[in-house]
Amino acid sequence: MLQINAQHSRMIGLEIRKLSEEEKIDVICIQEPYVLKGKLTNIPSSAQVVLGKENSKAAIINLNKN
């Protein structure tokens, strides 16, 4: 599991993607995610994402299909 404050950074999605593959992370909790048109950017399409409204202050990403 990973918890991170993204500070609305657009590039954090790429870093999360790389780190989750290297460290085999299943769940990511993000504070202050960068949201574009109601979606997180640079997150694998196979991930399950729980996100509030467009200006949401937090998100949960499940990368484990099981």
PDB file of N, CA and C in Angstrom:
ATOM      1  N   MET A   1       0.846  -1.173   0.000  1.00  0.00           N
ATOM      2  CA  MET A   1       0.000   0.000   0.000  1.00  0.00           C
ATOM      3  C   MET A   1       0.894   1.239   0.000  1.00  0.00           C
ATOM      4  N   LEU A   2       0.468   2.254  -0.728  1.00  0.00           N
ATOM      5  CA  LEU A   2       1.203   3.509  -0.823  1.00  0.00           C
ATOM      6  C   LEU A   2       0.252   4.650  -0.511  1.00  0.00           C
ATOM      7  N   GLN A   3       0.723   5.609   0.279  1.00  0.00           N
ATOM      8  CA  GLN A   3      -0.034   6.829   0.552  1.00  0.00           C
ATOM      9  C   GLN A   3       0.846   7.986   0.116  1.00  0.00           C
ATOM     10  N   ILE A   4       0.257   8.926  -0.642  1.00  0.00           N
ATOM     11  CA  ILE A   4       1.053  10.039  -1.165  1.00  0.00           C
ATOM     12  C   ILE A   4       0.193  11.293  -1.272  1.00  0.00           C
ATOM     13  N   ASN A   5       0.822  12.437  -1.032  1.00  0.00           N
ATOM     14  CA  ASN A   5       0.179  13.722  -1.280  1.00  0.00           C
ATOM     15  C   ASN A   5       0.725  14.221  -2.619  1.00  0.00           C
ATOM     16  N   ALA A   6      -0.136  14.264  -3.615  1.00  0.00           N
ATOM     17  CA  ALA A   6       0.289  14.608  -4.971  1.00  0.00           C
ATOM     18  C   ALA A   6       0.416  16.112  -5.205  1.00  0.00           C
ATOM     19  N   GLN A   7      -0.131  16.932  -4.306  1.00  0.00           N
ATOM     20  CA  GLN A   7      -0.075  18.384  -4.436  1.00  0.00           C
ATOM     21  C   GLN A   7      -0.505  18.846  -5.828  1.00  0.00           C
ATOM     22  N   HIS A   8      -1.511  18.180  -6.380  1.00  0.00           N
ATOM     23  CA  HIS A   8      -2.097  18.500  -7.696  1.00  0.00           C
ATOM     24  C   HIS A   8      -1.097  18.422  -8.853  1.00  0.00           C
ATOM     25  N   SER A   9      -0.036  17.639  -8.693  1.00  0.00           N
ATOM     26  CA  SER A   9       0.980  17.508  -9.732  1.00  0.00           C
ATOM     27  C   SER A   9       0.472  16.632 -10.879  1.00  0.00           C
ATOM     28  N   ARG A  10       0.665  17.079 -12.096  1.00  0.00           N
ATOM     29  CA  ARG A  10       0.274  16.301 -13.277  1.00  0.00           C
ATOM     30  C   ARG A  10       1.174  15.076 -13.463  1.00  0.00           C
ATOM     31  N   MET A  11       2.423  15.170 -13.068  1.00  0.00           N
ATOM     32  CA  MET A  11       3.396  14.112 -13.316  1.00  0.00           C
ATOM     33  C   MET A  11       3.356  12.987 -12.288  1.00  0.00           C
ATOM     34  N   ILE A  12       2.647  13.153 -11.200  1.00  0.00           N
ATOM     35  CA  ILE A  12       2.661  12.148 -10.142  1.00  0.00           C
ATOM     36  C   ILE A  12       2.109  10.808 -10.633  1.00  0.00           C
ATOM     37  N   GLY A  13       1.198  10.836 -11.583  1.00  0.00           N
ATOM     38  CA  GLY A  13       0.644   9.593 -12.124  1.00  0.00           C
ATOM     39  C   GLY A  13       1.719   8.700 -12.739  1.00  0.00           C
ATOM     40  N   LEU A  14       2.661   9.299 -13.441  1.00  0.00           N
ATOM     41  CA  LEU A  14       3.757   8.531 -14.041  1.00  0.00           C
ATOM     42  C   LEU A  14       4.657   7.929 -12.973  1.00  0.00           C
ATOM     43  N   GLU A  15       4.941   8.704 -11.939  1.00  0.00           N
ATOM     44  CA  GLU A  15       5.777   8.205 -10.848  1.00  0.00           C
ATOM     45  C   GLU A  15       5.074   7.073 -10.091  1.00  0.00           C
ATOM     46  N   ILE A  16       3.783   7.241  -9.865  1.00  0.00           N
ATOM     47  CA  ILE A  16       3.007   6.203  -9.170  1.00  0.00           C
ATOM     48  C   ILE A  16       2.979   4.923  -9.993  1.00  0.00           C
ATOM     49  N   ARG A  17       2.793   5.068 -11.268  1.00  0.00           N
ATOM     50  CA  ARG A  17       2.751   3.896 -12.155  1.00  0.00           C
ATOM     51  C   ARG A  17       4.068   3.120 -12.101  1.00  0.00           C
ATOM     52  N   LYS A  18       5.176   3.831 -12.192  1.00  0.00           N
ATOM     53  CA  LYS A  18       6.499   3.213 -12.153  1.00  0.00           C
ATOM     54  C   LYS A  18       6.753   2.551 -10.800  1.00  0.00           C
ATOM     55  N   LEU A  19       6.484   3.269  -9.730  1.00  0.00           N
ATOM     56  CA  LEU A  19       6.719   2.752  -8.384  1.00  0.00           C
ATOM     57  C   LEU A  19       5.844   1.546  -8.072  1.00  0.00           C
ATOM     58  N   SER A  20       4.589   1.591  -8.508  1.00  0.00           N
ATOM     59  CA  SER A  20       3.681   0.472  -8.223  1.00  0.00           C
ATOM     60  C   SER A  20       4.127  -0.809  -8.933  1.00  0.00           C
ATOM     61  N   GLU A  21       4.692  -0.686 -10.114  1.00  0.00           N
ATOM     62  CA  GLU A  21       5.210  -1.855 -10.825  1.00  0.00           C
ATOM     63  C   GLU A  21       6.480  -2.385 -10.160  1.00  0.00           C
ATOM     64  N   GLU A  22       7.374  -1.497  -9.770  1.00  0.00           N
ATOM     65  CA  GLU A  22       8.636  -1.899  -9.145  1.00  0.00           C
ATOM     66  C   GLU A  22       8.417  -2.540  -7.777  1.00  0.00           C
ATOM     67  N   GLU A  23       7.525  -1.966  -6.976  1.00  0.00           N
ATOM     68  CA  GLU A  23       7.320  -2.406  -5.600  1.00  0.00           C
ATOM     69  C   GLU A  23       6.103  -3.329  -5.424  1.00  0.00           C
ATOM     70  N   LYS A  24       5.412  -3.616  -6.535  1.00  0.00           N
ATOM     71  CA  LYS A  24       4.221  -4.477  -6.516  1.00  0.00           C
ATOM     72  C   LYS A  24       3.181  -3.986  -5.508  1.00  0.00           C
ATOM     73  N   ILE A  25       2.822  -2.722  -5.647  1.00  0.00           N
ATOM     74  CA  ILE A  25       1.842  -2.086  -4.769  1.00  0.00           C
ATOM     75  C   ILE A  25       0.443  -2.404  -5.272  1.00  0.00           C
ATOM     76  N   ASP A  26      -0.450  -2.739  -4.335  1.00  0.00           N
ATOM     77  CA  ASP A  26      -1.831  -3.088  -4.683  1.00  0.00           C
ATOM     78  C   ASP A  26      -2.796  -1.911  -4.549  1.00  0.00           C
ATOM     79  N   VAL A  27      -2.606  -1.099  -3.512  1.00  0.00           N
ATOM     80  CA  VAL A  27      -3.543  -0.012  -3.225  1.00  0.00           C
ATOM     81  C   VAL A  27      -2.764   1.278  -3.023  1.00  0.00           C
ATOM     82  N   ILE A  28      -3.282   2.358  -3.626  1.00  0.00           N
ATOM     83  CA  ILE A  28      -2.663   3.667  -3.489  1.00  0.00           C
ATOM     84  C   ILE A  28      -3.717   4.656  -3.011  1.00  0.00           C
ATOM     85  N   CYS A  29      -3.393   5.397  -1.960  1.00  0.00           N
ATOM     86  CA  CYS A  29      -4.265   6.457  -1.455  1.00  0.00           C
ATOM     87  C   CYS A  29      -3.584   7.785  -1.779  1.00  0.00           C
ATOM     88  N   ILE A  30      -4.284   8.640  -2.510  1.00  0.00           N
ATOM     89  CA  ILE A  30      -3.694   9.895  -2.957  1.00  0.00           C
ATOM     90  C   ILE A  30      -4.462  11.077  -2.368  1.00  0.00           C
ATOM     91  N   GLN A  31      -3.736  11.978  -1.750  1.00  0.00           N
ATOM     92  CA  GLN A  31      -4.297  13.241  -1.323  1.00  0.00           C
ATOM     93  C   GLN A  31      -3.991  14.271  -2.395  1.00  0.00           C
ATOM     94  N   GLU A  32      -4.901  15.193  -2.618  1.00  0.00           N
ATOM     95  CA  GLU A  32      -4.739  16.271  -3.593  1.00  0.00           C
ATOM     96  C   GLU A  32      -4.311  15.761  -4.963  1.00  0.00           C
ATOM     97  N   PRO A  33      -5.061  14.822  -5.555  1.00  0.00           N
ATOM     98  CA  PRO A  33      -4.688  14.314  -6.881  1.00  0.00           C
ATOM     99  C   PRO A  33      -4.944  15.347  -7.971  1.00  0.00           C
ATOM    100  N   TYR A  34      -4.223  15.217  -9.080  1.00  0.00           N
ATOM    101  CA  TYR A  34      -4.502  16.034 -10.261  1.00  0.00           C
ATOM    102  C   TYR A  34      -5.636  15.347 -11.010  1.00  0.00           C
ATOM    103  N   VAL A  35      -6.724  16.065 -11.198  1.00  0.00           N
ATOM    104  CA  VAL A  35      -7.911  15.512 -11.852  1.00  0.00           C
ATOM    105  C   VAL A  35      -8.203  16.334 -13.101  1.00  0.00           C
ATOM    106  N   LEU A  36      -8.374  15.651 -14.232  1.00  0.00           N
ATOM    107  CA  LEU A  36      -8.685  16.309 -15.497  1.00  0.00           C
ATOM    108  C   LEU A  36      -9.969  15.713 -16.044  1.00  0.00           C
ATOM    109  N   LYS A  37     -10.974  16.536 -16.192  1.00  0.00           N
ATOM    110  CA  LYS A  37     -12.282  16.102 -16.701  1.00  0.00           C
ATOM    111  C   LYS A  37     -12.840  14.926 -15.900  1.00  0.00           C
ATOM    112  N   GLY A  38     -12.661  14.994 -14.575  1.00  0.00           N
ATOM    113  CA  GLY A  38     -13.223  13.983 -13.692  1.00  0.00           C
ATOM    114  C   GLY A  38     -12.440  12.689 -13.576  1.00  0.00           C
ATOM    115  N   LYS A  39     -11.217  12.654 -14.148  1.00  0.00           N
ATOM    116  CA  LYS A  39     -10.411  11.431 -14.102  1.00  0.00           C
ATOM    117  C   LYS A  39      -8.983  11.745 -13.695  1.00  0.00           C
ATOM    118  N   LEU A  40      -8.347  10.751 -13.041  1.00  0.00           N
ATOM    119  CA  LEU A  40      -6.930  10.865 -12.734  1.00  0.00           C
ATOM    120  C   LEU A  40      -6.143  10.640 -14.020  1.00  0.00           C
ATOM    121  N   THR A  41      -5.012  11.277 -14.144  1.00  0.00           N
ATOM    122  CA  THR A  41      -4.210  11.125 -15.353  1.00  0.00           C
ATOM    123  C   THR A  41      -3.067  10.138 -15.125  1.00  0.00           C
ATOM    124  N   ASN A  42      -2.666   9.466 -16.188  1.00  0.00           N
ATOM    125  CA  ASN A  42      -1.525   8.538 -16.204  1.00  0.00           C
ATOM    126  C   ASN A  42      -1.668   7.364 -15.240  1.00  0.00           C
ATOM    127  N   ILE A  43      -2.887   6.935 -14.998  1.00  0.00           N
ATOM    128  CA  ILE A  43      -3.158   5.773 -14.160  1.00  0.00           C
ATOM    129  C   ILE A  43      -3.510   4.614 -15.103  1.00  0.00           C
ATOM    130  N   PRO A  44      -3.016   3.410 -14.842  1.00  0.00           N
ATOM    131  CA  PRO A  44      -3.334   2.277 -15.724  1.00  0.00           C
ATOM    132  C   PRO A  44      -4.853   2.109 -15.905  1.00  0.00           C
ATOM    133  N   SER A  45      -5.276   1.846 -17.120  1.00  0.00           N
ATOM    134  CA  SER A  45      -6.712   1.715 -17.397  1.00  0.00           C
ATOM    135  C   SER A  45      -7.330   0.519 -16.692  1.00  0.00           C
ATOM    136  N   SER A  46      -6.525  -0.461 -16.306  1.00  0.00           N
ATOM    137  CA  SER A  46      -7.042  -1.636 -15.609  1.00  0.00           C
ATOM    138  C   SER A  46      -7.281  -1.380 -14.120  1.00  0.00           C
ATOM    139  N   ALA A  47      -6.821  -0.239 -13.616  1.00  0.00           N
ATOM    140  CA  ALA A  47      -6.967   0.081 -12.194  1.00  0.00           C
ATOM    141  C   ALA A  47      -8.408   0.468 -11.872  1.00  0.00           C
ATOM    142  N   GLN A  48      -8.838   0.111 -10.671  1.00  0.00           N
ATOM    143  CA  GLN A  48     -10.128   0.554 -10.156  1.00  0.00           C
ATOM    144  C   GLN A  48      -9.870   1.825  -9.364  1.00  0.00           C
ATOM    145  N   VAL A  49     -10.568   2.894  -9.713  1.00  0.00           N
ATOM    146  CA  VAL A  49     -10.341   4.187  -9.080  1.00  0.00           C
ATOM    147  C   VAL A  49     -11.607   4.642  -8.368  1.00  0.00           C
ATOM    148  N   VAL A  50     -11.444   5.050  -7.113  1.00  0.00           N
ATOM    149  CA  VAL A  50     -12.536   5.650  -6.354  1.00  0.00           C
ATOM    150  C   VAL A  50     -12.172   7.118  -6.195  1.00  0.00           C
ATOM    151  N   LEU A  51     -13.003   7.968  -6.780  1.00  0.00           N
ATOM    152  CA  LEU A  51     -12.733   9.400  -6.800  1.00  0.00           C
ATOM    153  C   LEU A  51     -14.052  10.126  -6.633  1.00  0.00           C
ATOM    154  N   GLY A  52     -14.044  11.155  -5.826  1.00  0.00           N
ATOM    155  CA  GLY A  52     -15.244  11.958  -5.647  1.00  0.00           C
ATOM    156  C   GLY A  52     -15.496  12.821  -6.869  1.00  0.00           C
ATOM    157  N   LYS A  53     -16.047  13.985  -6.642  1.00  0.00           N
ATOM    158  CA  LYS A  53     -16.316  14.894  -7.752  1.00  0.00           C
ATOM    159  C   LYS A  53     -15.039  15.441  -8.373  1.00  0.00           C
ATOM    160  N   GLU A  54     -15.175  16.213  -9.414  1.00  0.00           N
ATOM    161  CA  GLU A  54     -14.023  16.649 -10.212  1.00  0.00           C
ATOM    162  C   GLU A  54     -12.943  17.362  -9.402  1.00  0.00           C
ATOM    163  N   ASN A  55     -13.312  18.136  -8.412  1.00  0.00           N
ATOM    164  CA  ASN A  55     -12.306  18.823  -7.598  1.00  0.00           C
ATOM    165  C   ASN A  55     -12.059  18.065  -6.289  1.00  0.00           C
ATOM    166  N   SER A  56     -12.067  16.768  -6.385  1.00  0.00           N
ATOM    167  CA  SER A  56     -11.897  15.902  -5.224  1.00  0.00           C
ATOM    168  C   SER A  56     -10.550  16.119  -4.549  1.00  0.00           C
ATOM    169  N   LYS A  57     -10.539  15.948  -3.239  1.00  0.00           N
ATOM    170  CA  LYS A  57      -9.321  16.128  -2.456  1.00  0.00           C
ATOM    171  C   LYS A  57      -8.608  14.807  -2.179  1.00  0.00           C
ATOM    172  N   ALA A  58      -9.206  13.672  -2.592  1.00  0.00           N
ATOM    173  CA  ALA A  58      -8.591  12.377  -2.326  1.00  0.00           C
ATOM    174  C   ALA A  58      -9.052  11.343  -3.360  1.00  0.00           C
ATOM    175  N   ALA A  59      -8.222  10.321  -3.537  1.00  0.00           N
ATOM    176  CA  ALA A  59      -8.560   9.211  -4.434  1.00  0.00           C
ATOM    177  C   ALA A  59      -7.955   7.926  -3.891  1.00  0.00           C
ATOM    178  N   ILE A  60      -8.606   6.811  -4.200  1.00  0.00           N
ATOM    179  CA  ILE A  60      -8.091   5.497  -3.860  1.00  0.00           C
ATOM    180  C   ILE A  60      -7.980   4.717  -5.160  1.00  0.00           C
ATOM    181  N   ILE A  61      -6.832   4.082  -5.378  1.00  0.00           N
ATOM    182  CA  ILE A  61      -6.598   3.309  -6.594  1.00  0.00           C
ATOM    183  C   ILE A  61      -6.304   1.877  -6.192  1.00  0.00           C
ATOM    184  N   ASN A  62      -7.045   0.941  -6.772  1.00  0.00           N
ATOM    185  CA  ASN A  62      -6.818  -0.477  -6.551  1.00  0.00           C
ATOM    186  C   ASN A  62      -6.179  -1.033  -7.809  1.00  0.00           C
ATOM    187  N   LEU A  63      -4.950  -1.526  -7.692  1.00  0.00           N
ATOM    188  CA  LEU A  63      -4.228  -2.075  -8.834  1.00  0.00           C
ATOM    189  C   LEU A  63      -4.256  -3.592  -8.870  1.00  0.00           C
ATOM    190  N   ASN A  64      -4.779  -4.217  -7.832  1.00  0.00           N
ATOM    191  CA  ASN A  64      -4.820  -5.674  -7.736  1.00  0.00           C
ATOM    192  C   ASN A  64      -6.159  -6.170  -8.282  1.00  0.00           C
ATOM    193  N   LYS A  65      -6.126  -6.934  -9.347  1.00  0.00           N
ATOM    194  CA  LYS A  65      -7.360  -7.436  -9.961  1.00  0.00           C
ATOM    195  C   LYS A  65      -8.060  -8.476  -9.096  1.00  0.00           C
ATOM    196  N   ASN A  66      -7.316  -9.094  -8.188  1.00  0.00           N
ATOM    197  CA  ASN A  66      -7.898 -10.108  -7.315  1.00  0.00           C
ATOM    198  C   ASN A  66      -8.622  -9.471  -6.154  1.00  0.00           C
TER     199      ASN A  66
END
